[in-house]
Amino acid sequence: MATNRQFVLAQRPDGVPDDEDFELVETDVPEPGPHEVLVRTRYLSVDPYMRDRMREGESYAEPWAVGDALRGAVVGEVVESNHPDYEAGDTVTGNLVWADYAVADGADVVAVETGDLRESVALGVLGMPGRTAYFGVTDVLDPDPGDTVVVSAAAGAVGSVVGQIAKLNGCRVVGIAGSDAKVEYLTDDLGFDAGINYADEDVADALADAAPQGVDAYFDNVGGDITDAVFAHLNVRASVAVCGQIALYNEEGVTMGPRKLPRLVETRARVEGFLVGDYAPRFEEASERLAQWVQSGDVQFRETVADGLENAPDAFVGLFEGENVGKQVVRVEAEFDGS
């Protein structure tokens, strides 16, 4: 029987996760049961929300127990199928374990069709991050042409697409990112109107220059001090889409800062948190629109690729250190000999 490597949660992280929180174990390659498929992993996704699943307590996603296999979006090849919709050689995506091989119910995976694009885009611009950006802009923010839209974590998988969709809608777009190189990527490659390097600039002061007419819509990927600074510039009837709070995910206790609710009274702004899963019935709509924009060149994307399953934890931790531009994926090498 071929060997299967799989990551499990070794212990709950204290702050930023490190190597001791992950354990790579070896097992036999699982066998698919009735209506199941065996998938060889080609690419797996690492995403900030996974950090919340590593802690105890209530959340929108059930926490992992210590010893549980880590799990996320995967693109892989069906190597054995007991499901009528799939056969060996098909490429599928689904929420699977961090492993060389994984078994899934055929109802829990979908076929991947990326045309001339590499398969990993099903984890990024044509997958969950792209759909999050699509619904966050079109349904939650719903900006008007001419509005000023600010995006935090703007060079990431979600933020980079958010800004481009807002530009397609005729908006002025300001991106906040963590380095000069990322700001250049936003303005020179993606067409953002302005960028702010939060590592070197005071965000509140920089926004006064980048958004002199104030902020009509804010896509919040980070929370914390950056969001506090943006709130000070919200216009009357502004809209805020709260997508993520990566600045707080590794905090054991949320730091209490200046209260921002009075600013919402002044501006009558609307703040709405959202989960992309709530839009599942419309995923096909989002994927089709995103694919059209990518093929036409209206939406561009980048990927940061780590090689080898063993490097998945480092790729995950790198998300919190700002190492990635665009979507962070892990390319997994595995050979299936059929034994």
Protein backbone atom coordinates (compact mmCIF):
# COMPACT_ATOMS: atom_id res chain seq x y z
CA MET A 1 0.00 0.00 0.00
CA ALA A 2 1.35 3.44 -0.96
CA THR A 3 2.08 5.89 1.85
CA ASN A 4 -0.06 8.95 2.41
CA ARG A 5 1.24 12.04 4.23
CA GLN A 6 -1.30 14.12 6.13
CA PHE A 7 -1.11 17.18 8.39
CA VAL A 8 -2.93 17.20 11.72
CA LEU A 9 -3.29 19.92 14.36
CA ALA A 10 -0.66 18.99 16.94
CA GLN A 11 -1.65 21.64 19.49
CA ARG A 12 -3.56 24.90 19.65
CA PRO A 13 -1.37 27.85 18.65
CA ASP A 14 -0.46 30.56 21.13
CA GLY A 15 -0.41 33.65 18.94
CA VAL A 16 1.11 33.20 15.50
CA PRO A 17 1.25 29.47 14.64
CA ASP A 18 4.65 27.78 14.40
CA ASP A 19 6.04 24.40 13.37
CA GLU A 20 5.14 22.77 16.68
CA ASP A 21 1.44 23.32 16.00
CA PHE A 22 1.52 21.06 12.93
CA GLU A 23 2.34 17.38 12.68
CA LEU A 24 2.92 15.51 9.43
CA VAL A 25 1.83 11.90 9.89
CA GLU A 26 2.02 8.95 7.54
CA THR A 27 -0.92 6.65 6.89
CA ASP A 28 -2.02 4.24 4.20
CA VAL A 29 -3.67 5.73 1.17
CA PRO A 30 -7.41 5.64 1.99
CA GLU A 31 -9.81 3.56 -0.06
CA PRO A 32 -12.99 5.16 -1.40
CA GLY A 33 -16.29 3.73 -0.26
CA PRO A 34 -19.64 3.74 -2.04
CA HIS A 35 -20.25 7.01 -3.94
CA GLU A 36 -16.79 8.26 -2.95
CA VAL A 37 -13.72 9.27 -4.93
CA LEU A 38 -10.01 9.08 -4.12
CA VAL A 39 -8.30 12.34 -5.03
CA ARG A 40 -4.58 12.92 -5.48
CA THR A 41 -3.81 16.49 -4.39
CA ARG A 42 -2.23 18.76 -6.95
CA TYR A 43 -2.74 22.11 -5.23
CA LEU A 44 -4.07 23.04 -1.82
CA SER A 45 -5.13 26.42 -0.55
CA VAL A 46 -4.08 28.12 2.67
CA ASP A 47 -6.36 30.90 3.87
CA PRO A 48 -6.40 33.24 6.89
CA TYR A 49 -9.78 32.00 8.17
CA MET A 50 -8.15 28.66 9.00
CA ARG A 51 -6.44 30.30 11.97
CA ASP A 52 -9.82 30.78 13.62
CA ARG A 53 -10.50 27.06 13.34
CA MET A 54 -7.36 26.34 15.38
CA ARG A 55 -8.72 27.99 18.51
CA GLU A 56 -11.39 26.79 20.91
CA GLY A 57 -14.67 28.65 21.15
CA GLU A 58 -17.62 29.50 18.99
CA SER A 59 -17.13 30.75 15.46
CA TYR A 60 -18.89 30.57 12.12
CA ALA A 61 -16.69 27.55 11.30
CA GLU A 62 -16.44 24.57 13.64
CA PRO A 63 -13.03 24.51 15.35
CA TRP A 64 -10.63 21.65 14.73
CA ALA A 65 -9.84 19.42 17.67
CA VAL A 66 -6.21 18.66 18.49
CA GLY A 67 -5.33 15.64 16.38
CA ASP A 68 -7.81 16.50 13.62
CA ALA A 69 -6.61 16.60 10.03
CA LEU A 70 -6.26 20.14 8.70
CA ARG A 71 -8.61 20.88 5.87
CA GLY A 72 -9.03 23.39 3.08
CA ALA A 73 -9.78 23.86 -0.59
CA VAL A 74 -7.95 21.40 -2.84
CA VAL A 75 -7.59 20.84 -6.57
CA GLY A 76 -6.70 17.29 -7.44
CA GLU A 77 -6.98 14.36 -9.79
CA VAL A 78 -9.44 11.53 -9.31
CA VAL A 79 -7.40 8.33 -9.20
CA GLU A 80 -10.22 5.98 -8.20
CA SER A 81 -13.98 6.54 -8.36
CA ASN A 82 -17.05 4.83 -7.01
CA HIS A 83 -19.27 7.74 -8.05
CA PRO A 84 -21.10 7.79 -11.40
CA ASP A 85 -20.25 11.44 -12.11
CA TYR A 86 -16.47 10.98 -11.99
CA GLU A 87 -13.84 8.69 -13.43
CA ALA A 88 -10.11 8.33 -13.03
CA GLY A 89 -8.28 11.26 -14.57
CA ASP A 90 -10.95 13.88 -13.83
CA THR A 91 -9.83 17.10 -12.14
CA VAL A 92 -11.98 18.18 -9.20
CA THR A 93 -12.00 20.66 -6.35
CA GLY A 94 -13.47 20.43 -2.89
CA ASN A 95 -12.85 21.01 0.80
CA LEU A 96 -10.41 18.19 1.58
CA VAL A 97 -7.68 17.36 4.07
CA TRP A 98 -4.10 18.58 3.79
CA ALA A 99 -2.70 15.33 2.42
CA ASP A 100 -1.22 13.65 -0.62
CA TYR A 101 -4.49 11.73 -1.08
CA ALA A 102 -7.98 12.28 0.26
CA VAL A 103 -11.32 10.53 0.04
CA ALA A 104 -14.47 12.55 -0.53
CA ASP A 105 -18.11 11.92 -1.25
CA GLY A 106 -18.68 12.60 -4.92
CA ALA A 107 -21.38 15.09 -3.94
CA ASP A 108 -18.77 17.18 -2.11
CA VAL A 109 -16.48 17.83 -5.07
CA VAL A 110 -17.05 19.58 -8.38
CA ALA A 111 -15.31 19.28 -11.73
CA VAL A 112 -12.68 21.89 -12.49
CA GLU A 113 -12.80 23.59 -15.88
CA THR A 114 -10.26 26.39 -16.17
CA GLY A 115 -9.73 26.40 -19.93
CA ASP A 116 -6.26 27.64 -20.81
CA LEU A 117 -5.59 28.75 -17.23
CA ARG A 118 -3.69 26.56 -14.78
CA GLU A 119 -5.81 24.45 -12.44
CA SER A 120 -4.79 26.39 -9.33
CA VAL A 121 -6.97 29.35 -10.34
CA ALA A 122 -9.90 27.27 -9.08
CA LEU A 123 -8.52 28.04 -5.61
CA GLY A 124 -8.05 31.74 -6.27
CA VAL A 125 -9.56 34.17 -8.73
CA LEU A 126 -12.10 31.60 -9.99
CA GLY A 127 -12.63 30.04 -6.56
CA MET A 128 -13.57 31.13 -3.07
CA PRO A 129 -11.43 34.32 -2.98
CA GLY A 130 -12.73 35.54 -6.32
CA ARG A 131 -16.33 34.83 -5.37
CA THR A 132 -15.81 36.59 -2.05
CA ALA A 133 -14.61 39.68 -3.89
CA TYR A 134 -17.45 39.49 -6.40
CA PHE A 135 -20.29 39.32 -3.89
CA GLY A 136 -18.57 41.66 -1.46
CA VAL A 137 -18.47 44.40 -4.08
CA THR A 138 -21.64 43.79 -6.08
CA ASP A 139 -23.99 42.88 -3.23
CA VAL A 140 -22.57 44.18 0.04
CA LEU A 141 -20.77 47.40 -0.90
CA ASP A 142 -22.81 48.09 -4.05
CA PRO A 143 -20.86 51.27 -4.90
CA ASP A 144 -21.97 53.82 -7.46
CA PRO A 145 -19.73 54.97 -10.33
CA GLY A 146 -17.50 57.76 -9.07
CA ASP A 147 -17.48 56.50 -5.48
CA THR A 148 -14.18 56.16 -3.64
CA VAL A 149 -13.60 52.55 -2.57
CA VAL A 150 -10.84 51.62 -0.11
CA VAL A 151 -9.57 48.06 0.18
CA SER A 152 -7.31 46.71 2.94
CA ALA A 153 -4.99 43.74 2.34
CA ALA A 154 -5.38 44.93 -1.22
CA ALA A 155 -2.56 42.84 -2.71
CA GLY A 156 -4.01 39.58 -1.38
CA ALA A 157 -6.20 37.03 -3.12
CA VAL A 158 -9.48 38.77 -2.23
CA GLY A 159 -8.44 42.41 -2.06
CA SER A 160 -6.73 42.47 -5.44
CA VAL A 161 -9.92 41.27 -7.14
CA VAL A 162 -12.12 43.59 -5.07
CA GLY A 163 -10.26 46.63 -6.34
CA GLN A 164 -10.43 45.54 -9.97
CA ILE A 165 -14.16 44.85 -9.82
CA ALA A 166 -14.70 48.26 -8.23
CA LYS A 167 -12.69 49.83 -11.07
CA LEU A 168 -14.88 48.02 -13.59
CA ASN A 169 -17.80 49.66 -11.83
CA GLY A 170 -16.33 53.12 -12.45
CA CYS A 171 -15.06 53.75 -8.93
CA ARG A 172 -11.92 55.44 -7.64
CA VAL A 173 -9.99 52.72 -5.80
CA VAL A 174 -7.41 53.08 -3.03
CA GLY A 175 -5.54 49.98 -1.90
CA ILE A 176 -3.77 49.51 1.44
CA ALA A 177 -0.90 47.01 1.47
CA GLY A 178 2.28 46.28 3.42
CA SER A 179 5.17 47.18 1.11
CA ASP A 180 6.18 49.56 -1.66
CA ALA A 181 6.40 46.61 -4.06
CA LYS A 182 2.81 45.65 -3.32
CA VAL A 183 1.62 49.24 -3.74
CA GLU A 184 3.38 49.37 -7.11
CA TYR A 185 1.66 46.14 -8.11
CA LEU A 186 -1.72 47.66 -7.24
CA THR A 187 -1.24 50.91 -9.09
CA ASP A 188 1.00 49.85 -12.00
CA ASP A 189 -0.42 46.40 -12.79
CA LEU A 190 -3.97 46.35 -11.47
CA GLY A 191 -4.98 49.94 -12.18
CA PHE A 192 -5.74 51.12 -8.64
CA ASP A 193 -5.86 54.90 -8.46
CA ALA A 194 -3.72 55.12 -5.33
CA GLY A 195 -1.97 52.89 -2.83
CA ILE A 196 -0.88 53.23 0.79
CA ASN A 197 1.99 51.32 2.40
CA TYR A 198 0.79 50.90 5.96
CA ALA A 199 4.25 49.75 7.07
CA ASP A 200 5.80 53.15 6.27
CA GLU A 201 2.88 55.58 6.25
CA ASP A 202 0.33 56.81 8.71
CA VAL A 203 -2.83 55.42 7.12
CA ALA A 204 -5.13 58.16 8.39
CA ASP A 205 -2.85 60.91 7.03
CA ALA A 206 -2.24 59.07 3.75
CA LEU A 207 -5.97 58.65 3.21
CA ALA A 208 -6.44 62.40 3.43
CA ASP A 209 -4.31 62.65 0.28
CA ALA A 210 -5.41 59.45 -1.47
CA ALA A 211 -9.13 59.98 -0.80
CA PRO A 212 -9.59 63.75 -0.51
CA GLN A 213 -13.35 63.46 -0.98
CA GLY A 214 -13.64 60.84 1.76
CA VAL A 215 -14.45 57.13 1.62
CA ASP A 216 -17.76 55.95 0.20
CA ALA A 217 -17.12 52.21 0.51
CA TYR A 218 -14.59 50.19 2.49
CA PHE A 219 -13.79 46.51 2.00
CA ASP A 220 -12.29 45.38 5.29
CA ASN A 221 -9.95 42.40 5.21
CA VAL A 222 -7.87 43.21 8.29
CA GLY A 223 -9.58 45.05 11.15
CA GLY A 224 -7.40 46.63 13.83
CA ASP A 225 -5.61 49.95 13.48
CA ILE A 226 -6.05 50.13 9.70
CA THR A 227 -9.81 49.87 9.95
CA ASP A 228 -9.83 52.46 12.76
CA ALA A 229 -8.00 54.84 10.43
CA VAL A 230 -10.39 54.26 7.54
CA PHE A 231 -13.45 54.78 9.72
CA ALA A 232 -12.29 58.33 10.42
CA HIS A 233 -12.70 59.09 6.69
CA LEU A 234 -16.11 57.49 6.05
CA ASN A 235 -18.60 59.67 4.21
CA VAL A 236 -22.26 60.02 5.01
CA ARG A 237 -24.12 56.85 3.91
CA ALA A 238 -20.85 54.99 3.37
CA SER A 239 -20.92 51.20 3.21
CA VAL A 240 -18.45 48.83 4.88
CA ALA A 241 -18.09 45.14 4.01
CA VAL A 242 -16.39 43.19 6.80
CA CYS A 243 -14.77 40.17 5.17
CA GLY A 244 -11.85 39.30 7.46
CA GLN A 245 -9.93 40.47 10.51
CA ILE A 246 -6.47 39.06 9.93
CA ALA A 247 -4.89 41.64 12.22
CA LEU A 248 -6.75 40.05 15.14
CA TYR A 249 -6.70 36.32 14.34
CA ASN A 250 -3.57 35.62 16.39
CA GLU A 251 -4.65 37.74 19.37
CA GLU A 252 -5.61 35.78 22.46
CA GLY A 253 -7.61 38.76 23.70
CA VAL A 254 -8.92 41.50 21.44
CA THR A 255 -7.23 44.80 22.23
CA MET A 256 -9.75 47.46 23.15
CA GLY A 257 -9.14 50.68 21.26
CA PRO A 258 -11.15 53.85 20.65
CA ARG A 259 -14.81 53.10 20.15
CA LYS A 260 -15.86 53.65 16.54
CA LEU A 261 -19.63 53.38 16.78
CA PRO A 262 -20.11 57.15 17.26
CA ARG A 263 -18.58 57.63 13.82
CA LEU A 264 -21.33 55.44 12.39
CA VAL A 265 -23.95 57.65 14.02
CA GLU A 266 -22.39 60.73 12.46
CA THR A 267 -22.15 59.22 8.98
CA ARG A 268 -25.17 56.90 9.08
CA ALA A 269 -22.79 54.38 7.51
CA ARG A 270 -23.82 50.77 6.99
CA VAL A 271 -21.44 48.06 8.23
CA GLU A 272 -22.18 44.50 7.15
CA GLY A 273 -20.26 41.32 7.78
CA PHE A 274 -20.68 38.54 5.25
CA LEU A 275 -19.68 34.97 4.46
CA VAL A 276 -19.26 33.86 0.87
CA GLY A 277 -20.99 30.57 1.68
CA ASP A 278 -24.26 32.45 2.05
CA TYR A 279 -24.12 33.04 -1.72
CA ALA A 280 -23.67 29.37 -2.67
CA PRO A 281 -26.78 29.30 -4.92
CA ARG A 282 -25.12 32.03 -7.03
CA PHE A 283 -21.58 30.62 -7.24
CA GLU A 284 -22.00 29.79 -10.92
CA GLU A 285 -22.94 33.41 -11.67
CA ALA A 286 -19.80 34.66 -9.96
CA SER A 287 -17.51 32.09 -11.61
CA GLU A 288 -18.84 32.87 -15.07
CA ARG A 289 -18.43 36.63 -14.66
CA LEU A 290 -14.95 36.26 -13.18
CA ALA A 291 -13.88 33.91 -15.97
CA GLN A 292 -15.08 36.41 -18.57
CA TRP A 293 -13.14 39.23 -16.91
CA VAL A 294 -9.99 37.15 -16.62
CA GLN A 295 -10.17 36.01 -20.24
CA SER A 296 -10.73 39.58 -21.45
CA GLY A 297 -7.86 40.89 -19.33
CA ASP A 298 -10.14 43.11 -17.25
CA VAL A 299 -9.19 41.19 -14.11
CA GLN A 300 -5.60 40.11 -13.56
CA PHE A 301 -4.22 37.88 -10.84
CA ARG A 302 -1.06 36.56 -9.28
CA GLU A 303 -0.24 33.46 -7.31
CA THR A 304 2.44 32.80 -4.72
CA VAL A 305 3.30 29.11 -4.96
CA ALA A 306 5.02 27.00 -2.30
CA ASP A 307 6.27 23.59 -3.43
CA GLY A 308 5.71 20.44 -1.41
CA LEU A 309 3.07 19.38 1.10
CA GLU A 310 5.69 19.60 3.85
CA ASN A 311 5.86 23.37 3.29
CA ALA A 312 2.12 24.01 3.74
CA PRO A 313 2.48 25.24 7.36
CA ASP A 314 5.16 27.77 6.35
CA ALA A 315 2.95 28.99 3.51
CA PHE A 316 0.07 29.37 5.95
CA VAL A 317 2.11 31.30 8.51
CA GLY A 318 3.43 33.51 5.72
CA LEU A 319 -0.09 34.87 5.22
CA PHE A 320 0.18 36.65 8.57
CA GLU A 321 3.60 38.04 7.72
CA GLY A 322 2.51 39.48 4.39
CA GLU A 323 4.75 37.23 2.31
CA ASN A 324 2.24 36.48 -0.44
CA VAL A 325 1.10 38.56 -3.37
CA GLY A 326 -2.24 37.39 -4.70
CA LYS A 327 -3.35 33.86 -3.87
CA GLN A 328 -1.10 31.64 -1.77
CA VAL A 329 -1.24 28.02 -2.89
CA VAL A 330 0.82 24.92 -2.21
CA ARG A 331 1.79 22.67 -5.11
CA VAL A 332 1.76 19.09 -3.81
CA GLU A 333 3.82 16.35 -5.36
CA ALA A 334 2.49 12.80 -5.12
CA GLU A 335 2.80 9.65 -7.18
CA PHE A 336 0.10 6.99 -7.26
CA ASP A 337 1.32 3.61 -8.40
CA GLY A 338 -2.03 1.83 -8.14
CA SER A 339 -0.77 -0.70 -5.61
